[in-house]
C-alpha cells in the first residue's frame, strides 16, 4: 500500500525543486519543520549552509559555518545536525549559533523516536 503524500510534504518538495532549479541550493540533503518559528530548515551539503524557509517561501541563511551539512533533527529549542568537520553539531534554534559539537568525522546522522541517535562514520 502506498503512503499518501500530505500537503506540507508536497509543498516542501515543490519548494526545493523550484528553488534548486534557480540556484538556491547546490545539493539539499535534509529538511525539518520548526513549528515554533513556522519555518523549514534545509541542509545543503554542497554549500555547507542550513537555510531557513518561511511560510511565504522566503529564504535566509540560518547557519553557514560548515563545509558539509547532512542530517537534521529538532529537539526542544535545539537543532542537531551531522556536519563533516564538527561531527554532531548542536545549534541554538533561536539564533543559529553553534553551541558545541560532540563527535568528529561523521558522514551521516539518523534520528529515531523517542530518543535515539545513530551516528555513522563510514
PDB file of N, CA and C in Angstrom:
ATOM      1  N   UNK A   1       0.840  -1.177   0.000  1.00  0.00           N
ATOM      2  CA  UNK A   1       0.000   0.000   0.000  1.00  0.00           C
ATOM      3  C   UNK A   1       0.888   1.244   0.000  1.00  0.00           C
ATOM      4  N   UNK A   2       0.588   2.186  -0.874  1.00  0.00           N
ATOM      5  CA  UNK A   2       1.398   3.397  -0.991  1.00  0.00           C
ATOM      6  C   UNK A   2       0.994   4.412   0.062  1.00  0.00           C
ATOM      7  N   UNK A   3       1.985   5.091   0.590  1.00  0.00           N
ATOM      8  CA  UNK A   3       1.737   6.166   1.547  1.00  0.00           C
ATOM      9  C   UNK A   3       1.270   7.397   0.781  1.00  0.00           C
ATOM     10  N   UNK A   4       0.232   8.044   1.271  1.00  0.00           N
ATOM     11  CA  UNK A   4      -0.247   9.262   0.634  1.00  0.00           C
ATOM     12  C   UNK A   4       0.679  10.415   0.967  1.00  0.00           C
ATOM     13  N   UNK A   5       0.951  11.242  -0.004  1.00  0.00           N
ATOM     14  CA  UNK A   5       1.780  12.418   0.179  1.00  0.00           C
ATOM     15  C   UNK A   5       0.913  13.540   0.727  1.00  0.00           C
ATOM     16  N   UNK A   6       1.252  14.037   1.885  1.00  0.00           N
ATOM     17  CA  UNK A   6       0.474  15.090   2.515  1.00  0.00           C
ATOM     18  C   UNK A   6       0.864  16.445   1.948  1.00  0.00           C
ATOM     19  N   UNK A   7      -0.001  17.415   2.091  1.00  0.00           N
ATOM     20  CA  UNK A   7       0.192  18.739   1.529  1.00  0.00           C
ATOM     21  C   UNK A   7       1.502  19.397   1.983  1.00  0.00           C
ATOM     22  N   UNK A   8       1.866  19.396   3.284  1.00  0.00           N
ATOM     23  CA  UNK A   8       3.138  20.029   3.668  1.00  0.00           C
ATOM     24  C   UNK A   8       4.349  19.381   2.992  1.00  0.00           C
ATOM     25  N   UNK A   9       4.319  18.046   2.855  1.00  0.00           N
ATOM     26  CA  UNK A   9       5.432  17.366   2.200  1.00  0.00           C
ATOM     27  C   UNK A   9       5.499  17.729   0.722  1.00  0.00           C
ATOM     28  N   UNK A  10       4.337  17.820   0.084  1.00  0.00           N
ATOM     29  CA  UNK A  10       4.286  18.196  -1.316  1.00  0.00           C
ATOM     30  C   UNK A  10       4.789  19.621  -1.515  1.00  0.00           C
ATOM     31  N   UNK A  11       4.363  20.530  -0.650  1.00  0.00           N
ATOM     32  CA  UNK A  11       4.816  21.925  -0.743  1.00  0.00           C
ATOM     33  C   UNK A  11       6.325  22.024  -0.566  1.00  0.00           C
ATOM     34  N   UNK A  12       6.877  21.291   0.403  1.00  0.00           N
ATOM     35  CA  UNK A  12       8.322  21.316   0.623  1.00  0.00           C
ATOM     36  C   UNK A  12       9.052  20.758  -0.591  1.00  0.00           C
ATOM     37  N   UNK A  13       8.555  19.654  -1.136  1.00  0.00           N
ATOM     38  CA  UNK A  13       9.183  19.070  -2.316  1.00  0.00           C
ATOM     39  C   UNK A  13       9.198  20.068  -3.476  1.00  0.00           C
ATOM     40  N   UNK A  14       8.058  20.709  -3.724  1.00  0.00           N
ATOM     41  CA  UNK A  14       7.987  21.675  -4.810  1.00  0.00           C
ATOM     42  C   UNK A  14       8.876  22.882  -4.557  1.00  0.00           C
ATOM     43  N   UNK A  15       8.937  23.317  -3.312  1.00  0.00           N
ATOM     44  CA  UNK A  15       9.792  24.447  -2.960  1.00  0.00           C
ATOM     45  C   UNK A  15      11.256  24.125  -3.229  1.00  0.00           C
ATOM     46  N   UNK A  16      11.707  22.951  -2.796  1.00  0.00           N
ATOM     47  CA  UNK A  16      13.100  22.558  -3.024  1.00  0.00           C
ATOM     48  C   UNK A  16      13.359  22.396  -4.523  1.00  0.00           C
ATOM     49  N   UNK A  17      12.438  21.761  -5.220  1.00  0.00           N
ATOM     50  CA  UNK A  17      12.606  21.556  -6.657  1.00  0.00           C
ATOM     51  C   UNK A  17      12.687  22.886  -7.395  1.00  0.00           C
ATOM     52  N   UNK A  18      11.758  23.801  -7.106  1.00  0.00           N
ATOM     53  CA  UNK A  18      11.729  25.090  -7.777  1.00  0.00           C
ATOM     54  C   UNK A  18      12.969  25.916  -7.440  1.00  0.00           C
ATOM     55  N   UNK A  19      13.292  25.974  -6.157  1.00  0.00           N
ATOM     56  CA  UNK A  19      14.395  26.820  -5.728  1.00  0.00           C
ATOM     57  C   UNK A  19      15.739  26.269  -6.177  1.00  0.00           C
ATOM     58  N   UNK A  20      15.921  24.951  -6.127  1.00  0.00           N
ATOM     59  CA  UNK A  20      17.202  24.390  -6.558  1.00  0.00           C
ATOM     60  C   UNK A  20      17.392  24.563  -8.058  1.00  0.00           C
ATOM     61  N   UNK A  21      16.304  24.656  -8.808  1.00  0.00           N
ATOM     62  CA  UNK A  21      16.413  24.900 -10.246  1.00  0.00           C
ATOM     63  C   UNK A  21      16.952  26.291 -10.529  1.00  0.00           C
ATOM     64  N   UNK A  22      16.792  27.190  -9.588  1.00  0.00           N
ATOM     65  CA  UNK A  22      17.234  28.567  -9.795  1.00  0.00           C
ATOM     66  C   UNK A  22      18.425  28.935  -8.914  1.00  0.00           C
ATOM     67  N   UNK A  23      19.129  27.942  -8.389  1.00  0.00           N
ATOM     68  CA  UNK A  23      20.401  28.190  -7.767  1.00  0.00           C
ATOM     69  C   UNK A  23      20.433  28.429  -6.265  1.00  0.00           C
ATOM     70  N   UNK A  24      19.327  28.259  -5.539  1.00  0.00           N
ATOM     71  CA  UNK A  24      19.356  28.476  -4.092  1.00  0.00           C
ATOM     72  C   UNK A  24      20.192  27.406  -3.401  1.00  0.00           C
ATOM     73  N   UNK A  25      20.020  26.142  -3.806  1.00  0.00           N
ATOM     74  CA  UNK A  25      20.760  25.047  -3.206  1.00  0.00           C
ATOM     75  C   UNK A  25      21.595  24.342  -4.255  1.00  0.00           C
ATOM     76  N   UNK A  26      22.733  23.825  -3.806  1.00  0.00           N
ATOM     77  CA  UNK A  26      23.575  23.023  -4.670  1.00  0.00           C
ATOM     78  C   UNK A  26      23.167  21.557  -4.548  1.00  0.00           C
ATOM     79  N   UNK A  27      23.041  21.098  -3.301  1.00  0.00           N
ATOM     80  CA  UNK A  27      22.717  19.697  -3.049  1.00  0.00           C
ATOM     81  C   UNK A  27      21.950  19.568  -1.737  1.00  0.00           C
ATOM     82  N   UNK A  28      20.629  19.845  -1.740  1.00  0.00           N
ATOM     83  CA  UNK A  28      19.857  19.748  -0.496  1.00  0.00           C
ATOM     84  C   UNK A  28      19.854  18.319   0.026  1.00  0.00           C
ATOM     85  N   UNK A  29      20.012  18.178   1.333  1.00  0.00           N
ATOM     86  CA  UNK A  29      20.180  16.856   1.926  1.00  0.00           C
ATOM     87  C   UNK A  29      19.056  16.493   2.883  1.00  0.00           C
ATOM     88  N   UNK A  30      18.672  17.397   3.758  1.00  0.00           N
ATOM     89  CA  UNK A  30      17.723  17.063   4.811  1.00  0.00           C
ATOM     90  C   UNK A  30      16.857  18.283   5.106  1.00  0.00           C
ATOM     91  N   UNK A  31      15.630  18.027   5.560  1.00  0.00           N
ATOM     92  CA  UNK A  31      14.732  19.133   5.905  1.00  0.00           C
ATOM     93  C   UNK A  31      13.945  18.766   7.154  1.00  0.00           C
ATOM     94  N   UNK A  32      13.749  19.749   8.027  1.00  0.00           N
ATOM     95  CA  UNK A  32      12.914  19.583   9.216  1.00  0.00           C
ATOM     96  C   UNK A  32      12.016  20.806   9.341  1.00  0.00           C
ATOM     97  N   UNK A  33      10.852  20.605   9.959  1.00  0.00           N
ATOM     98  CA  UNK A  33       9.938  21.717  10.174  1.00  0.00           C
ATOM     99  C   UNK A  33      10.089  22.217  11.603  1.00  0.00           C
ATOM    100  N   UNK A  34      10.341  23.504  11.749  1.00  0.00           N
ATOM    101  CA  UNK A  34      10.457  24.172  13.051  1.00  0.00           C
ATOM    102  C   UNK A  34       9.099  24.795  13.362  1.00  0.00           C
ATOM    103  N   UNK A  35       8.280  24.093  14.144  1.00  0.00           N
ATOM    104  CA  UNK A  35       6.915  24.547  14.404  1.00  0.00           C
ATOM    105  C   UNK A  35       6.862  25.792  15.286  1.00  0.00           C
ATOM    106  N   UNK A  36       7.863  26.007  16.114  1.00  0.00           N
ATOM    107  CA  UNK A  36       7.890  27.197  16.977  1.00  0.00           C
ATOM    108  C   UNK A  36       8.044  28.463  16.135  1.00  0.00           C
ATOM    109  N   UNK A  37       8.910  28.416  15.128  1.00  0.00           N
ATOM    110  CA  UNK A  37       9.187  29.583  14.288  1.00  0.00           C
ATOM    111  C   UNK A  37       8.487  29.513  12.931  1.00  0.00           C
ATOM    112  N   UNK A  38       7.656  28.481  12.715  1.00  0.00           N
ATOM    113  CA  UNK A  38       6.874  28.299  11.496  1.00  0.00           C
ATOM    114  C   UNK A  38       7.746  28.393  10.234  1.00  0.00           C
ATOM    115  N   UNK A  39       8.761  27.535  10.171  1.00  0.00           N
ATOM    116  CA  UNK A  39       9.698  27.537   9.046  1.00  0.00           C
ATOM    117  C   UNK A  39      10.279  26.140   8.855  1.00  0.00           C
ATOM    118  N   UNK A  40      10.793  25.916   7.673  1.00  0.00           N
ATOM    119  CA  UNK A  40      11.571  24.712   7.393  1.00  0.00           C
ATOM    120  C   UNK A  40      13.041  25.080   7.479  1.00  0.00           C
ATOM    121  N   UNK A  41      13.847  24.148   7.961  1.00  0.00           N
ATOM    122  CA  UNK A  41      15.299  24.272   7.918  1.00  0.00           C
ATOM    123  C   UNK A  41      15.794  23.175   6.984  1.00  0.00           C
ATOM    124  N   UNK A  42      16.568  23.570   5.984  1.00  0.00           N
ATOM    125  CA  UNK A  42      17.033  22.643   4.960  1.00  0.00           C
ATOM    126  C   UNK A  42      18.556  22.692   4.903  1.00  0.00           C
ATOM    127  N   UNK A  43      19.173  21.520   5.015  1.00  0.00           N
ATOM    128  CA  UNK A  43      20.631  21.464   4.930  1.00  0.00           C
ATOM    129  C   UNK A  43      21.050  21.289   3.480  1.00  0.00           C
ATOM    130  N   UNK A  44      22.139  21.950   3.124  1.00  0.00           N
ATOM    131  CA  UNK A  44      22.694  21.848   1.779  1.00  0.00           C
ATOM    132  C   UNK A  44      24.128  21.355   1.898  1.00  0.00           C
ATOM    133  N   UNK A  45      24.332  20.089   1.557  1.00  0.00           N
ATOM    134  CA  UNK A  45      25.677  19.537   1.703  1.00  0.00           C
ATOM    135  C   UNK A  45      26.654  20.128   0.688  1.00  0.00           C
ATOM    136  N   UNK A  46      26.151  20.758  -0.356  1.00  0.00           N
ATOM    137  CA  UNK A  46      27.019  21.363  -1.360  1.00  0.00           C
ATOM    138  C   UNK A  46      27.621  22.686  -0.917  1.00  0.00           C
ATOM    139  N   UNK A  47      26.862  23.469  -0.140  1.00  0.00           N
ATOM    140  CA  UNK A  47      27.348  24.773   0.315  1.00  0.00           C
ATOM    141  C   UNK A  47      27.745  24.781   1.789  1.00  0.00           C
ATOM    142  N   UNK A  48      27.277  23.784   2.550  1.00  0.00           N
ATOM    143  CA  UNK A  48      27.554  23.759   3.981  1.00  0.00           C
ATOM    144  C   UNK A  48      26.617  24.648   4.781  1.00  0.00           C
ATOM    145  N   UNK A  49      25.564  25.132   4.158  1.00  0.00           N
ATOM    146  CA  UNK A  49      24.614  26.028   4.827  1.00  0.00           C
ATOM    147  C   UNK A  49      23.358  25.293   5.260  1.00  0.00           C
ATOM    148  N   UNK A  50      22.749  25.806   6.308  1.00  0.00           N
ATOM    149  CA  UNK A  50      21.393  25.437   6.689  1.00  0.00           C
ATOM    150  C   UNK A  50      20.554  26.662   6.359  1.00  0.00           C
ATOM    151  N   UNK A  51      19.553  26.476   5.505  1.00  0.00           N
ATOM    152  CA  UNK A  51      18.730  27.576   5.021  1.00  0.00           C
ATOM    153  C   UNK A  51      17.362  27.499   5.683  1.00  0.00           C
ATOM    154  N   UNK A  52      16.864  28.638   6.162  1.00  0.00           N
ATOM    155  CA  UNK A  52      15.523  28.726   6.731  1.00  0.00           C
ATOM    156  C   UNK A  52      14.570  29.183   5.637  1.00  0.00           C
ATOM    157  N   UNK A  53      13.439  28.488   5.520  1.00  0.00           N
ATOM    158  CA  UNK A  53      12.405  28.832   4.543  1.00  0.00           C
ATOM    159  C   UNK A  53      11.137  29.159   5.317  1.00  0.00           C
ATOM    160  N   UNK A  54      10.682  30.417   5.215  1.00  0.00           N
ATOM    161  CA  UNK A  54       9.498  30.824   5.977  1.00  0.00           C
ATOM    162  C   UNK A  54       8.221  30.403   5.270  1.00  0.00           C
ATOM    163  N   UNK A  55       7.084  30.697   5.889  1.00  0.00           N
ATOM    164  CA  UNK A  55       5.791  30.237   5.377  1.00  0.00           C
ATOM    165  C   UNK A  55       5.410  30.863   4.045  1.00  0.00           C
ATOM    166  N   UNK A  56       6.087  31.925   3.652  1.00  0.00           N
ATOM    167  CA  UNK A  56       5.793  32.565   2.371  1.00  0.00           C
ATOM    168  C   UNK A  56       6.830  32.231   1.305  1.00  0.00           C
ATOM    169  N   UNK A  57       7.762  31.323   1.635  1.00  0.00           N
ATOM    170  CA  UNK A  57       8.769  30.894   0.679  1.00  0.00           C
ATOM    171  C   UNK A  57      10.052  31.703   0.694  1.00  0.00           C
ATOM    172  N   UNK A  58      10.138  32.704   1.577  1.00  0.00           N
ATOM    173  CA  UNK A  58      11.369  33.484   1.693  1.00  0.00           C
ATOM    174  C   UNK A  58      12.475  32.664   2.337  1.00  0.00           C
ATOM    175  N   UNK A  59      13.690  32.871   1.893  1.00  0.00           N
ATOM    176  CA  UNK A  59      14.818  32.107   2.427  1.00  0.00           C
ATOM    177  C   UNK A  59      15.852  33.024   3.065  1.00  0.00           C
ATOM    178  N   UNK A  60      16.446  32.535   4.143  1.00  0.00           N
ATOM    179  CA  UNK A  60      17.574  33.209   4.784  1.00  0.00           C
ATOM    180  C   UNK A  60      18.576  32.141   5.208  1.00  0.00           C
ATOM    181  N   UNK A  61      19.830  32.494   5.232  1.00  0.00           N
ATOM    182  CA  UNK A  61      20.845  31.569   5.728  1.00  0.00           C
ATOM    183  C   UNK A  61      20.750  31.512   7.248  1.00  0.00           C
ATOM    184  N   UNK A  62      20.471  30.323   7.755  1.00  0.00           N
ATOM    185  CA  UNK A  62      20.336  30.107   9.191  1.00  0.00           C
ATOM    186  C   UNK A  62      21.706  29.895   9.836  1.00  0.00           C
ATOM    187  N   UNK A  63      22.540  29.081   9.190  1.00  0.00           N
ATOM    188  CA  UNK A  63      23.902  28.825   9.665  1.00  0.00           C
ATOM    189  C   UNK A  63      24.722  28.362   8.470  1.00  0.00           C
ATOM    190  N   UNK A  64      25.852  29.019   8.229  1.00  0.00           N
ATOM    191  CA  UNK A  64      26.732  28.662   7.105  1.00  0.00           C
ATOM    192  C   UNK A  64      28.158  28.429   7.570  1.00  0.00           C
ATOM    193  N   UNK A  65      28.315  27.832   8.735  1.00  0.00           N
ATOM    194  CA  UNK A  65      29.659  27.678   9.293  1.00  0.00           C
ATOM    195  C   UNK A  65      30.276  26.302   9.045  1.00  0.00           C
ATOM    196  N   UNK A  66      29.683  25.502   8.179  1.00  0.00           N
ATOM    197  CA  UNK A  66      30.180  24.148   7.951  1.00  0.00           C
ATOM    198  C   UNK A  66      30.633  23.988   6.508  1.00  0.00           C
ATOM    199  N   UNK A  67      31.487  22.980   6.265  1.00  0.00           N
ATOM    200  CA  UNK A  67      31.853  22.690   4.885  1.00  0.00           C
ATOM    201  C   UNK A  67      30.838  21.738   4.250  1.00  0.00           C
ATOM    202  N   UNK A  68      30.271  20.844   5.033  1.00  0.00           N
ATOM    203  CA  UNK A  68      29.222  19.933   4.570  1.00  0.00           C
ATOM    204  C   UNK A  68      28.241  19.696   5.707  1.00  0.00           C
ATOM    205  N   UNK A  69      26.953  19.793   5.404  1.00  0.00           N
ATOM    206  CA  UNK A  69      25.894  19.555   6.388  1.00  0.00           C
ATOM    207  C   UNK A  69      24.991  18.458   5.858  1.00  0.00           C
ATOM    208  N   UNK A  70      24.615  17.522   6.726  1.00  0.00           N
ATOM    209  CA  UNK A  70      23.777  16.405   6.277  1.00  0.00           C
ATOM    210  C   UNK A  70      22.484  16.351   7.074  1.00  0.00           C
ATOM    211  N   UNK A  71      22.276  15.329   7.901  1.00  0.00           N
ATOM    212  CA  UNK A  71      21.012  15.115   8.596  1.00  0.00           C
ATOM    213  C   UNK A  71      20.697  16.179   9.637  1.00  0.00           C
ATOM    214  N   UNK A  72      19.393  16.474   9.805  1.00  0.00           N
ATOM    215  CA  UNK A  72      18.919  17.465  10.765  1.00  0.00           C
ATOM    216  C   UNK A  72      17.844  16.856  11.659  1.00  0.00           C
ATOM    217  N   UNK A  73      17.779  17.321  12.907  1.00  0.00           N
ATOM    218  CA  UNK A  73      16.702  16.964  13.817  1.00  0.00           C
ATOM    219  C   UNK A  73      16.515  18.087  14.826  1.00  0.00           C
ATOM    220  N   UNK A  74      15.262  18.389  15.137  1.00  0.00           N
ATOM    221  CA  UNK A  74      14.949  19.395  16.152  1.00  0.00           C
ATOM    222  C   UNK A  74      14.467  18.680  17.409  1.00  0.00           C
ATOM    223  N   UNK A  75      14.996  19.104  18.549  1.00  0.00           N
ATOM    224  CA  UNK A  75      14.516  18.625  19.845  1.00  0.00           C
ATOM    225  C   UNK A  75      14.472  19.820  20.778  1.00  0.00           C
ATOM    226  N   UNK A  76      13.272  20.140  21.261  1.00  0.00           N
ATOM    227  CA  UNK A  76      13.047  21.315  22.106  1.00  0.00           C
ATOM    228  C   UNK A  76      13.528  22.573  21.380  1.00  0.00           C
ATOM    229  N   UNK A  77      14.478  23.303  21.947  1.00  0.00           N
ATOM    230  CA  UNK A  77      14.967  24.541  21.329  1.00  0.00           C
ATOM    231  C   UNK A  77      16.345  24.364  20.699  1.00  0.00           C
ATOM    232  N   UNK A  78      16.634  23.133  20.271  1.00  0.00           N
ATOM    233  CA  UNK A  78      17.954  22.808  19.753  1.00  0.00           C
ATOM    234  C   UNK A  78      17.839  22.090  18.413  1.00  0.00           C
ATOM    235  N   UNK A  79      18.736  22.455  17.494  1.00  0.00           N
ATOM    236  CA  UNK A  79      18.855  21.762  16.213  1.00  0.00           C
ATOM    237  C   UNK A  79      20.117  20.911  16.262  1.00  0.00           C
ATOM    238  N   UNK A  80      19.983  19.637  15.944  1.00  0.00           N
ATOM    239  CA  UNK A  80      21.118  18.734  15.850  1.00  0.00           C
ATOM    240  C   UNK A  80      21.375  18.468  14.375  1.00  0.00           C
ATOM    241  N   UNK A  81      22.652  18.493  13.975  1.00  0.00           N
ATOM    242  CA  UNK A  81      22.952  18.173  12.582  1.00  0.00           C
ATOM    243  C   UNK A  81      24.297  17.468  12.466  1.00  0.00           C
ATOM    244  N   UNK A  82      24.384  16.633  11.431  1.00  0.00           N
ATOM    245  CA  UNK A  82      25.651  15.981  11.103  1.00  0.00           C
ATOM    246  C   UNK A  82      26.409  16.930  10.185  1.00  0.00           C
ATOM    247  N   UNK A  83      27.560  17.384  10.656  1.00  0.00           N
ATOM    248  CA  UNK A  83      28.393  18.300   9.881  1.00  0.00           C
ATOM    249  C   UNK A  83      29.779  17.684   9.780  1.00  0.00           C
ATOM    250  N   UNK A  84      30.340  17.702   8.581  1.00  0.00           N
ATOM    251  CA  UNK A  84      31.561  16.942   8.326  1.00  0.00           C
ATOM    252  C   UNK A  84      32.700  17.256   9.281  1.00  0.00           C
ATOM    253  N   UNK A  85      33.026  18.522   9.484  1.00  0.00           N
ATOM    254  CA  UNK A  85      34.175  18.828  10.336  1.00  0.00           C
ATOM    255  C   UNK A  85      33.811  18.980  11.804  1.00  0.00           C
ATOM    256  N   UNK A  86      32.530  19.143  12.116  1.00  0.00           N
ATOM    257  CA  UNK A  86      32.112  19.341  13.503  1.00  0.00           C
ATOM    258  C   UNK A  86      31.525  18.086  14.124  1.00  0.00           C
ATOM    259  N   UNK A  87      31.217  17.092  13.335  1.00  0.00           N
ATOM    260  CA  UNK A  87      30.571  15.898  13.845  1.00  0.00           C
ATOM    261  C   UNK A  87      29.102  16.183  14.096  1.00  0.00           C
ATOM    262  N   UNK A  88      28.620  15.807  15.257  1.00  0.00           N
ATOM    263  CA  UNK A  88      27.243  16.116  15.627  1.00  0.00           C
ATOM    264  C   UNK A  88      27.236  17.536  16.179  1.00  0.00           C
ATOM    265  N   UNK A  89      26.774  18.460  15.377  1.00  0.00           N
ATOM    266  CA  UNK A  89      26.741  19.870  15.771  1.00  0.00           C
ATOM    267  C   UNK A  89      25.435  20.153  16.498  1.00  0.00           C
ATOM    268  N   UNK A  90      25.535  20.924  17.569  1.00  0.00           N
ATOM    269  CA  UNK A  90      24.367  21.305  18.363  1.00  0.00           C
ATOM    270  C   UNK A  90      24.208  22.813  18.217  1.00  0.00           C
ATOM    271  N   UNK A  91      23.062  23.214  17.653  1.00  0.00           N
ATOM    272  CA  UNK A  91      22.845  24.596  17.247  1.00  0.00           C
ATOM    273  C   UNK A  91      21.631  25.167  17.961  1.00  0.00           C
ATOM    274  N   UNK A  92      21.742  26.420  18.422  1.00  0.00           N
ATOM    275  CA  UNK A  92      20.626  27.120  19.046  1.00  0.00           C
ATOM    276  C   UNK A  92      19.562  27.397  17.988  1.00  0.00           C
ATOM    277  N   UNK A  93      18.342  26.945  18.225  1.00  0.00           N
ATOM    278  CA  UNK A  93      17.275  27.076  17.236  1.00  0.00           C
ATOM    279  C   UNK A  93      16.798  28.510  17.073  1.00  0.00           C
ATOM    280  N   UNK A  94      16.991  29.328  18.077  1.00  0.00           N
ATOM    281  CA  UNK A  94      16.578  30.736  18.005  1.00  0.00           C
ATOM    282  C   UNK A  94      17.566  31.581  17.200  1.00  0.00           C
ATOM    283  N   UNK A  95      18.861  31.407  17.482  1.00  0.00           N
ATOM    284  CA  UNK A  95      19.875  32.297  16.904  1.00  0.00           C
ATOM    285  C   UNK A  95      20.667  31.690  15.743  1.00  0.00           C
ATOM    286  N   UNK A  96      20.695  30.364  15.650  1.00  0.00           N
ATOM    287  CA  UNK A  96      21.510  29.714  14.626  1.00  0.00           C
ATOM    288  C   UNK A  96      22.967  29.554  15.032  1.00  0.00           C
ATOM    289  N   UNK A  97      23.293  29.923  16.258  1.00  0.00           N
ATOM    290  CA  UNK A  97      24.679  29.840  16.733  1.00  0.00           C
ATOM    291  C   UNK A  97      25.047  28.402  17.088  1.00  0.00           C
ATOM    292  N   UNK A  98      26.274  28.015  16.731  1.00  0.00           N
ATOM    293  CA  UNK A  98      26.792  26.703  17.099  1.00  0.00           C
ATOM    294  C   UNK A  98      27.072  26.709  18.596  1.00  0.00           C
ATOM    295  N   UNK A  99      26.427  25.801  19.331  1.00  0.00           N
ATOM    296  CA  UNK A  99      26.642  25.714  20.776  1.00  0.00           C
ATOM    297  C   UNK A  99      27.833  24.821  21.101  1.00  0.00           C
ATOM    298  N   UNK A 100      27.894  23.662  20.465  1.00  0.00           N
ATOM    299  CA  UNK A 100      29.001  22.729  20.673  1.00  0.00           C
ATOM    300  C   UNK A 100      28.907  21.625  19.634  1.00  0.00           C
ATOM    301  N   UNK A 101      29.905  20.780  19.597  1.00  0.00           N
ATOM    302  CA  UNK A 101      29.854  19.563  18.786  1.00  0.00           C
ATOM    303  C   UNK A 101      30.392  18.421  19.630  1.00  0.00           C
ATOM    304  N   UNK A 102      29.935  17.202  19.333  1.00  0.00           N
ATOM    305  CA  UNK A 102      30.265  16.096  20.228  1.00  0.00           C
ATOM    306  C   UNK A 102      31.036  14.952  19.591  1.00  0.00           C
ATOM    307  N   UNK A 103      31.234  14.955  18.273  1.00  0.00           N
ATOM    308  CA  UNK A 103      31.967  13.870  17.639  1.00  0.00           C
ATOM    309  C   UNK A 103      32.430  14.349  16.273  1.00  0.00           C
ATOM    310  N   UNK A 104      33.598  13.934  15.849  1.00  0.00           N
ATOM    311  CA  UNK A 104      34.115  14.364  14.551  1.00  0.00           C
ATOM    312  C   UNK A 104      34.019  13.256  13.511  1.00  0.00           C
ATOM    313  N   UNK A 105      34.131  13.642  12.268  1.00  0.00           N
ATOM    314  CA  UNK A 105      34.209  12.738  11.120  1.00  0.00           C
ATOM    315  C   UNK A 105      32.944  11.923  10.894  1.00  0.00           C
ATOM    316  N   UNK A 106      31.784  12.521  11.079  1.00  0.00           N
ATOM    317  CA  UNK A 106      30.530  11.845  10.777  1.00  0.00           C
ATOM    318  C   UNK A 106      30.233  11.957   9.295  1.00  0.00           C
ATOM    319  N   UNK A 107      29.638  10.924   8.736  1.00  0.00           N
ATOM    320  CA  UNK A 107      29.144  11.002   7.371  1.00  0.00           C
ATOM    321  C   UNK A 107      27.630  11.058   7.334  1.00  0.00           C
ATOM    322  N   UNK A 108      26.990  10.652   8.411  1.00  0.00           N
ATOM    323  CA  UNK A 108      25.526  10.702   8.443  1.00  0.00           C
ATOM    324  C   UNK A 108      25.059  10.637   9.885  1.00  0.00           C
ATOM    325  N   UNK A 109      23.892  11.156  10.113  1.00  0.00           N
ATOM    326  CA  UNK A 109      23.249  11.052  11.409  1.00  0.00           C
ATOM    327  C   UNK A 109      21.808  10.655  11.162  1.00  0.00           C
ATOM    328  N   UNK A 110      21.350   9.657  11.870  1.00  0.00           N
ATOM    329  CA  UNK A 110      19.955   9.251  11.759  1.00  0.00           C
ATOM    330  C   UNK A 110      19.315   9.420  13.129  1.00  0.00           C
ATOM    331  N   UNK A 111      18.100   9.860  13.135  1.00  0.00           N
ATOM    332  CA  UNK A 111      17.396  10.070  14.381  1.00  0.00           C
ATOM    333  C   UNK A 111      16.124   9.234  14.374  1.00  0.00           C
ATOM    334  N   UNK A 112      15.815   8.662  15.522  1.00  0.00           N
ATOM    335  CA  UNK A 112      14.567   7.937  15.654  1.00  0.00           C
ATOM    336  C   UNK A 112      13.947   8.311  16.989  1.00  0.00           C
ATOM    337  N   UNK A 113      12.690   8.097  17.088  1.00  0.00           N
ATOM    338  CA  UNK A 113      11.994   8.457  18.317  1.00  0.00           C
ATOM    339  C   UNK A 113      11.711   7.211  19.116  1.00  0.00           C
ATOM    340  N   UNK A 114      11.689   7.282  20.450  1.00  0.00           N
ATOM    341  CA  UNK A 114      11.570   8.525  21.195  1.00  0.00           C
ATOM    342  C   UNK A 114      12.863   9.292  21.385  1.00  0.00           C
ATOM    343  N   UNK A 115      14.006   8.649  21.540  1.00  0.00           N
ATOM    344  CA  UNK A 115      15.197   9.451  21.832  1.00  0.00           C
ATOM    345  C   UNK A 115      16.475   8.739  21.428  1.00  0.00           C
ATOM    346  N   UNK A 116      16.542   8.256  20.224  1.00  0.00           N
ATOM    347  CA  UNK A 116      17.747   7.567  19.780  1.00  0.00           C
ATOM    348  C   UNK A 116      18.465   8.385  18.723  1.00  0.00           C
ATOM    349  N   UNK A 117      19.777   8.370  18.785  1.00  0.00           N
ATOM    350  CA  UNK A 117      20.604   8.999  17.765  1.00  0.00           C
ATOM    351  C   UNK A 117      21.579   7.945  17.270  1.00  0.00           C
ATOM    352  N   UNK A 118      21.657   7.777  15.974  1.00  0.00           N
ATOM    353  CA  UNK A 118      22.551   6.788  15.386  1.00  0.00           C
ATOM    354  C   UNK A 118      23.596   7.548  14.580  1.00  0.00           C
ATOM    355  N   UNK A 119      24.860   7.369  14.897  1.00  0.00           N
ATOM    356  CA  UNK A 119      25.951   8.056  14.225  1.00  0.00           C
ATOM    357  C   UNK A 119      26.726   7.063  13.381  1.00  0.00           C
ATOM    358  N   UNK A 120      27.127   7.487  12.182  1.00  0.00           N
ATOM    359  CA  UNK A 120      27.957   6.627  11.357  1.00  0.00           C
ATOM    360  C   UNK A 120      29.170   7.395  10.869  1.00  0.00           C
ATOM    361  N   UNK A 121      30.283   6.693  10.673  1.00  0.00           N
ATOM    362  CA  UNK A 121      31.483   7.346  10.181  1.00  0.00           C
ATOM    363  C   UNK A 121      32.059   6.618   8.985  1.00  0.00           C
ATOM    364  N   UNK A 122      31.251   5.830   8.312  1.00  0.00           N
ATOM    365  CA  UNK A 122      31.760   5.107   7.142  1.00  0.00           C
ATOM    366  C   UNK A 122      31.203   5.691   5.863  1.00  0.00           C
TER     367      UNK A 122
END
